[in-house]
């Protein structure tokens, strides 16, 4: 079935997923290289970092309390590993987002697509995404503070055996995660796409994302929740089999299962990035905001240092689903 641009607003979750999974076939080499150089390292790091931190944690548990010098050494090593992991995760997350959003938009506007052109555009795209991420981080800091506050209240309530306070705290924590956390993640993902495709970023991109989510909030939260659940299940199985499996699983089994799970997470992350990009167009169409391909074409060209006039009109129906 061909999908016209004006029909985007009627796409459901299944339609968005179908649309997203067909896009890589329009430039398979580019998406293959993006996956191999950016998304694979990101996915591998998400799962494999516990292979380095778990032995340190086990060592900390086995060190006698009186051996403070050895404990300090292990804690220092753990903090270094965690710091490197967070920086790596942050960098490759932004790089992957920039690459996928830029490539999909280039396909949509008819710009020549190649891995080299994507790499050339990433530095400027990355700067905009970084500023947006800083604003999102401030918002997440407030959220995490409230979350930790009620977590402490829950612990105190259990200690005091206060049923009412404990139930109240659990309800708030549940709502904070399933409601606020999922919504803020959806807001962040859409703001990232806005930062790449429109001449705004930071707090302005977050405001635009908030406006675009209106009327499509439940759809966005459902997709984010499924994505987080898939990541959580994959990480949980990896931890149970590869990290904590012990002698229950042989080395060969761990390698096979670990490789399979990394592959699963690579697919989940790639599809997730494509979905958030397509969802941006769906929200624009839902709010009857015209997607000016000529302006978008020139905007993308600005990342590459060129402003080539749009010579052909590539409609969304070229993406067969």
Protein backbone atom coordinates (compact mmCIF):
# COMPACT_ATOMS: atom_id res chain seq x y z
CA UNK A 1 0.00 0.00 0.00
CA UNK A 2 1.26 3.50 -0.81
CA UNK A 3 1.16 6.05 1.97
CA UNK A 4 0.50 9.66 0.95
CA UNK A 5 1.93 12.46 3.07
CA UNK A 6 -1.51 13.67 4.17
CA UNK A 7 -2.36 10.18 5.45
CA UNK A 8 0.45 10.20 7.99
CA UNK A 9 -1.83 11.55 10.69
CA UNK A 10 -3.91 8.37 10.53
CA UNK A 11 -1.02 6.01 11.14
CA UNK A 12 -1.38 3.82 14.22
CA UNK A 13 1.51 2.20 16.09
CA UNK A 14 1.54 -0.79 13.77
CA UNK A 15 1.65 1.50 10.73
CA UNK A 16 4.51 3.56 12.18
CA UNK A 17 6.45 0.37 12.89
CA UNK A 18 5.88 -0.93 9.36
CA UNK A 19 6.90 2.39 7.86
CA UNK A 20 10.05 2.53 10.02
CA UNK A 21 11.24 -0.98 9.22
CA UNK A 22 11.00 -0.44 5.45
CA UNK A 23 13.07 2.76 5.38
CA UNK A 24 16.57 1.17 5.54
CA UNK A 25 15.98 -0.57 2.18
CA UNK A 26 16.14 2.82 0.42
CA UNK A 27 19.79 3.22 1.43
CA UNK A 28 20.90 -0.14 2.86
CA UNK A 29 24.63 0.57 2.76
CA UNK A 30 24.26 3.82 4.73
CA UNK A 31 22.09 2.25 7.42
CA UNK A 32 24.37 -0.80 7.57
CA UNK A 33 27.39 1.40 8.26
CA UNK A 34 25.49 3.52 10.80
CA UNK A 35 24.42 0.36 12.58
CA UNK A 36 27.89 -1.16 12.52
CA UNK A 37 29.85 1.94 13.63
CA UNK A 38 27.40 3.66 15.98
CA UNK A 39 24.44 1.56 17.09
CA UNK A 40 26.35 -1.71 17.60
CA UNK A 41 28.97 -0.14 19.97
CA UNK A 42 26.14 1.58 21.86
CA UNK A 43 24.15 -1.64 22.26
CA UNK A 44 27.23 -3.68 23.16
CA UNK A 45 28.25 -1.16 25.84
CA UNK A 46 24.75 -1.14 27.38
CA UNK A 47 24.89 -4.89 27.97
CA UNK A 48 28.60 -5.58 28.41
CA UNK A 49 29.52 -2.87 30.93
CA UNK A 50 28.29 -5.08 33.77
CA UNK A 51 30.93 -7.65 32.79
CA UNK A 52 33.53 -5.15 34.02
CA UNK A 53 31.70 -3.72 37.02
CA UNK A 54 30.29 -6.97 38.44
CA UNK A 55 33.72 -8.46 39.39
CA UNK A 56 34.58 -5.21 41.18
CA UNK A 57 31.31 -5.26 43.11
CA UNK A 58 31.92 -8.90 44.02
CA UNK A 59 35.41 -7.96 45.19
CA UNK A 60 34.01 -5.15 47.34
CA UNK A 61 31.63 -7.61 49.00
CA UNK A 62 34.48 -9.96 49.81
CA UNK A 63 36.88 -7.35 51.25
CA UNK A 64 36.90 -7.18 55.07
CA UNK A 65 35.65 -3.81 56.42
CA UNK A 66 38.97 -3.18 58.18
CA UNK A 67 40.93 -3.28 54.89
CA UNK A 68 39.99 0.31 53.99
CA UNK A 69 42.89 0.91 51.56
CA UNK A 70 41.88 -1.98 49.30
CA UNK A 71 38.26 -0.84 49.47
CA UNK A 72 39.22 2.65 48.34
CA UNK A 73 41.14 1.21 45.40
CA UNK A 74 38.16 -0.88 44.26
CA UNK A 75 35.74 2.03 44.62
CA UNK A 76 38.05 4.26 42.61
CA UNK A 77 38.27 1.64 39.86
CA UNK A 78 34.49 1.23 39.87
CA UNK A 79 33.90 4.97 39.58
CA UNK A 80 36.37 5.21 36.69
CA UNK A 81 34.59 2.40 34.84
CA UNK A 82 31.20 3.99 35.44
CA UNK A 83 32.41 7.42 34.35
CA UNK A 84 33.87 6.06 31.10
CA UNK A 85 30.68 4.05 30.50
CA UNK A 86 28.39 7.05 30.97
CA UNK A 87 30.49 9.23 28.65
CA UNK A 88 30.60 6.49 26.02
CA UNK A 89 26.86 5.86 26.33
CA UNK A 90 26.05 9.56 26.13
CA UNK A 91 28.29 10.16 23.10
CA UNK A 92 27.14 7.20 21.02
CA UNK A 93 23.50 7.79 21.90
CA UNK A 94 23.68 11.32 20.50
CA UNK A 95 25.76 10.20 17.50
CA UNK A 96 23.29 7.43 16.63
CA UNK A 97 20.31 9.77 16.96
CA UNK A 98 21.93 12.43 14.79
CA UNK A 99 22.92 9.93 12.10
CA UNK A 100 19.54 8.17 11.81
CA UNK A 101 17.39 11.32 11.93
CA UNK A 102 19.56 13.13 9.40
CA UNK A 103 19.68 10.16 7.00
CA UNK A 104 15.93 9.55 7.10
CA UNK A 105 15.19 13.25 6.53
CA UNK A 106 17.63 13.32 3.62
CA UNK A 107 15.81 10.38 2.03
CA UNK A 108 12.49 12.15 2.57
CA UNK A 109 13.62 15.34 0.84
CA UNK A 110 15.45 13.61 -1.99
CA UNK A 111 18.95 14.64 -0.93
CA UNK A 112 21.80 12.31 -1.94
CA UNK A 113 22.35 9.91 0.93
CA UNK A 114 25.69 8.41 1.88
CA UNK A 115 27.51 7.49 5.05
CA UNK A 116 30.17 10.12 4.38
CA UNK A 117 27.60 12.92 4.06
CA UNK A 118 26.00 11.78 7.31
CA UNK A 119 29.36 11.84 9.09
CA UNK A 120 30.03 15.31 7.67
CA UNK A 121 26.75 16.61 9.08
CA UNK A 122 26.99 14.99 12.52
CA UNK A 123 29.25 17.59 14.23
CA UNK A 124 26.75 20.44 13.82
CA UNK A 125 23.79 18.17 14.52
CA UNK A 126 25.55 16.91 17.63
CA UNK A 127 25.97 20.43 19.00
CA UNK A 128 22.22 21.07 18.78
CA UNK A 129 21.36 17.69 20.30
CA UNK A 130 23.81 18.30 23.14
CA UNK A 131 22.16 21.60 24.09
CA UNK A 132 18.74 19.96 24.01
CA UNK A 133 20.07 17.10 26.13
CA UNK A 134 21.37 19.54 28.75
CA UNK A 135 17.88 21.01 29.18
CA UNK A 136 16.36 17.53 29.35
CA UNK A 137 18.98 16.59 31.95
CA UNK A 138 17.90 19.50 34.15
CA UNK A 139 14.31 18.30 33.92
CA UNK A 140 15.36 14.72 34.67
CA UNK A 141 17.36 15.95 37.67
CA UNK A 142 14.19 17.42 39.18
CA UNK A 143 12.27 14.23 38.39
CA UNK A 144 14.95 11.99 39.94
CA UNK A 145 15.05 14.16 43.06
CA UNK A 146 11.31 13.74 43.56
CA UNK A 147 11.56 10.02 42.78
CA UNK A 148 14.34 9.50 45.35
CA UNK A 149 12.42 11.56 47.92
CA UNK A 150 9.41 9.27 47.72
CA UNK A 151 11.69 6.22 47.69
CA UNK A 152 13.14 7.39 51.00
CA UNK A 153 9.61 8.00 52.30
CA UNK A 154 8.69 4.44 51.31
CA UNK A 155 11.70 3.02 53.18
CA UNK A 156 10.83 5.08 56.26
CA UNK A 157 7.18 4.01 56.03
CA UNK A 158 8.18 0.33 55.90
CA UNK A 159 10.50 0.84 58.86
CA UNK A 160 7.71 2.55 60.82
CA UNK A 161 5.19 -0.07 59.61
CA UNK A 162 2.91 2.68 58.37
CA UNK A 163 0.66 0.96 55.82
CA UNK A 164 -1.05 4.12 54.60
CA UNK A 165 2.21 6.01 54.04
CA UNK A 166 3.80 2.98 52.38
CA UNK A 167 0.87 2.49 49.97
CA UNK A 168 0.81 6.21 49.16
CA UNK A 169 4.55 6.19 48.43
CA UNK A 170 4.30 3.10 46.21
CA UNK A 171 1.44 4.65 44.23
CA UNK A 172 3.41 7.87 43.70
CA UNK A 173 6.54 5.95 42.67
CA UNK A 174 4.47 3.82 40.28
CA UNK A 175 2.86 6.89 38.72
CA UNK A 176 6.19 8.69 38.51
CA UNK A 177 7.72 5.84 36.53
CA UNK A 178 4.87 4.75 34.29
CA UNK A 179 3.55 8.28 33.82
CA UNK A 180 6.16 10.98 34.26
CA UNK A 181 9.29 9.01 33.32
CA UNK A 182 7.79 7.51 30.16
CA UNK A 183 6.30 10.85 29.10
CA UNK A 184 9.56 12.69 29.68
CA UNK A 185 11.42 10.07 27.65
CA UNK A 186 8.93 10.55 24.80
CA UNK A 187 9.34 14.32 25.10
CA UNK A 188 13.13 13.98 24.96
CA UNK A 189 13.12 11.68 21.92
CA UNK A 190 10.82 13.93 19.94
CA UNK A 191 12.76 17.04 20.99
CA UNK A 192 15.90 15.37 19.65
CA UNK A 193 14.29 14.97 16.23
CA UNK A 194 13.06 18.56 16.34
CA UNK A 195 16.58 19.75 17.16
CA UNK A 196 17.89 18.13 13.97
CA UNK A 197 15.07 18.96 11.56
CA UNK A 198 14.05 22.45 12.64
CA UNK A 199 16.06 25.66 13.31
CA UNK A 200 15.43 25.39 17.06
CA UNK A 201 17.01 23.44 19.91
CA UNK A 202 17.29 23.41 23.67
CA UNK A 203 14.27 24.64 25.60
CA UNK A 204 12.60 25.76 22.35
CA UNK A 205 12.83 22.22 20.95
CA UNK A 206 11.31 20.85 24.16
CA UNK A 207 8.40 23.30 23.90
CA UNK A 208 7.87 22.30 20.27
CA UNK A 209 7.99 18.64 21.26
CA UNK A 210 5.38 19.29 23.96
CA UNK A 211 3.08 20.90 21.40
CA UNK A 212 3.57 18.08 18.87
CA UNK A 213 2.80 15.40 21.47
CA UNK A 214 -0.67 16.83 22.16
CA UNK A 215 -3.23 14.39 20.82
CA UNK A 216 -0.59 11.71 20.35
CA UNK A 217 0.64 11.40 23.95
CA UNK A 218 -0.84 7.95 24.61
CA UNK A 219 0.64 6.62 21.37
CA UNK A 220 4.06 8.08 22.19
CA UNK A 221 4.03 6.74 25.76
CA UNK A 222 2.97 3.28 24.58
CA UNK A 223 5.85 3.10 22.10
CA UNK A 224 8.36 4.37 24.67
CA UNK A 225 7.11 1.91 27.28
CA UNK A 226 7.46 -1.01 24.83
CA UNK A 227 10.96 0.16 23.91
CA UNK A 228 12.03 0.45 27.57
CA UNK A 229 10.47 -2.93 28.34
CA UNK A 230 12.33 -4.63 25.47
CA UNK A 231 15.60 -3.06 26.61
CA UNK A 232 14.92 -4.07 30.20
CA UNK A 233 14.07 -7.69 29.33
CA UNK A 234 17.14 -7.99 27.09
CA UNK A 235 19.42 -6.57 29.78
CA UNK A 236 17.79 -8.80 32.41
CA UNK A 237 18.34 -11.99 30.41
CA UNK A 238 21.93 -10.95 29.62
CA UNK A 239 22.60 -10.36 33.30
CA UNK A 240 21.03 -13.65 34.37
CA UNK A 241 22.80 -15.83 31.79
CA UNK A 242 26.07 -14.10 30.87
CA UNK A 243 26.96 -12.04 33.96
CA UNK A 244 25.50 -14.05 36.84
CA UNK A 245 25.17 -17.42 35.13
CA UNK A 246 28.22 -18.87 36.85
CA UNK A 247 28.79 -22.56 36.20
CA UNK A 248 25.17 -23.12 35.21
CA UNK A 249 26.05 -22.08 31.65
CA UNK A 250 29.19 -22.96 29.73
CA UNK A 251 31.45 -20.39 28.11
CA UNK A 252 30.19 -21.27 24.63
CA UNK A 253 26.56 -20.88 25.72
CA UNK A 254 27.30 -17.51 27.28
CA UNK A 255 29.05 -16.29 24.12
CA UNK A 256 26.19 -17.43 21.87
CA UNK A 257 23.45 -16.03 24.14
CA UNK A 258 25.39 -12.80 24.69
CA UNK A 259 25.95 -12.29 20.97
CA UNK A 260 22.30 -13.01 20.23
CA UNK A 261 21.10 -10.53 22.85
CA UNK A 262 23.46 -7.83 21.59
CA UNK A 263 22.02 -8.40 18.11
CA UNK A 264 18.49 -8.10 19.48
CA UNK A 265 19.33 -4.83 21.23
CA UNK A 266 20.96 -3.46 18.05
CA UNK A 267 17.70 -4.09 16.17
CA UNK A 268 15.61 -2.59 18.97
CA UNK A 269 17.75 0.57 19.06
CA UNK A 270 17.81 1.00 15.27
CA UNK A 271 14.06 0.54 14.94
CA UNK A 272 13.51 2.80 17.94
CA UNK A 273 15.48 5.62 16.32
CA UNK A 274 13.60 5.16 13.04
CA UNK A 275 10.26 5.10 14.86
CA UNK A 276 10.93 8.39 16.68
CA UNK A 277 11.89 9.99 13.35
CA UNK A 278 8.74 8.79 11.57
CA UNK A 279 6.64 9.75 14.61
CA UNK A 280 7.82 13.35 14.18
CA UNK A 281 6.24 13.46 10.71
CA UNK A 282 3.10 11.78 12.05
CA UNK A 283 2.74 14.47 14.74
CA UNK A 284 3.34 17.25 12.23
CA UNK A 285 0.66 15.83 9.96
CA UNK A 286 -1.75 15.29 12.86
CA UNK A 287 -1.51 18.99 13.76
CA UNK A 288 -1.88 19.95 10.08
CA UNK A 289 1.57 21.53 10.06
CA UNK A 290 2.88 21.53 6.52
CA UNK A 291 6.16 19.72 6.02
CA UNK A 292 7.98 22.07 3.65
CA UNK A 293 10.40 19.75 1.87
CA UNK A 294 12.17 22.62 0.17
CA UNK A 295 12.85 24.35 3.49
CA UNK A 296 13.81 21.04 5.12
CA UNK A 297 16.08 20.26 2.18
CA UNK A 298 17.88 23.59 2.59
CA UNK A 299 18.02 23.18 6.37
CA UNK A 300 19.72 19.79 6.00
CA UNK A 301 22.04 21.28 3.39
CA UNK A 302 23.12 23.85 5.95
CA UNK A 303 24.77 21.06 7.96
CA UNK A 304 26.80 20.18 4.87
CA UNK A 305 27.65 23.75 3.89
CA UNK A 306 25.49 23.74 0.78
CA UNK A 307 22.04 25.00 -0.12
CA UNK A 308 20.99 23.16 -3.25
CA UNK A 309 17.48 24.01 -4.52
CA UNK A 310 15.01 21.15 -4.39
CA UNK A 311 14.85 19.73 -7.90
CA UNK A 312 12.40 16.92 -7.33
CA UNK A 313 9.45 16.30 -5.06
CA UNK A 314 9.83 12.99 -3.27
CA UNK A 315 6.49 12.14 -1.68
CA UNK A 316 6.06 9.93 1.34
CA UNK A 317 4.27 7.36 -0.81
CA UNK A 318 7.69 6.33 -2.09
CA UNK A 319 8.06 4.58 1.25
CA UNK A 320 6.01 1.46 0.54
CA UNK A 321 4.59 -0.33 3.53
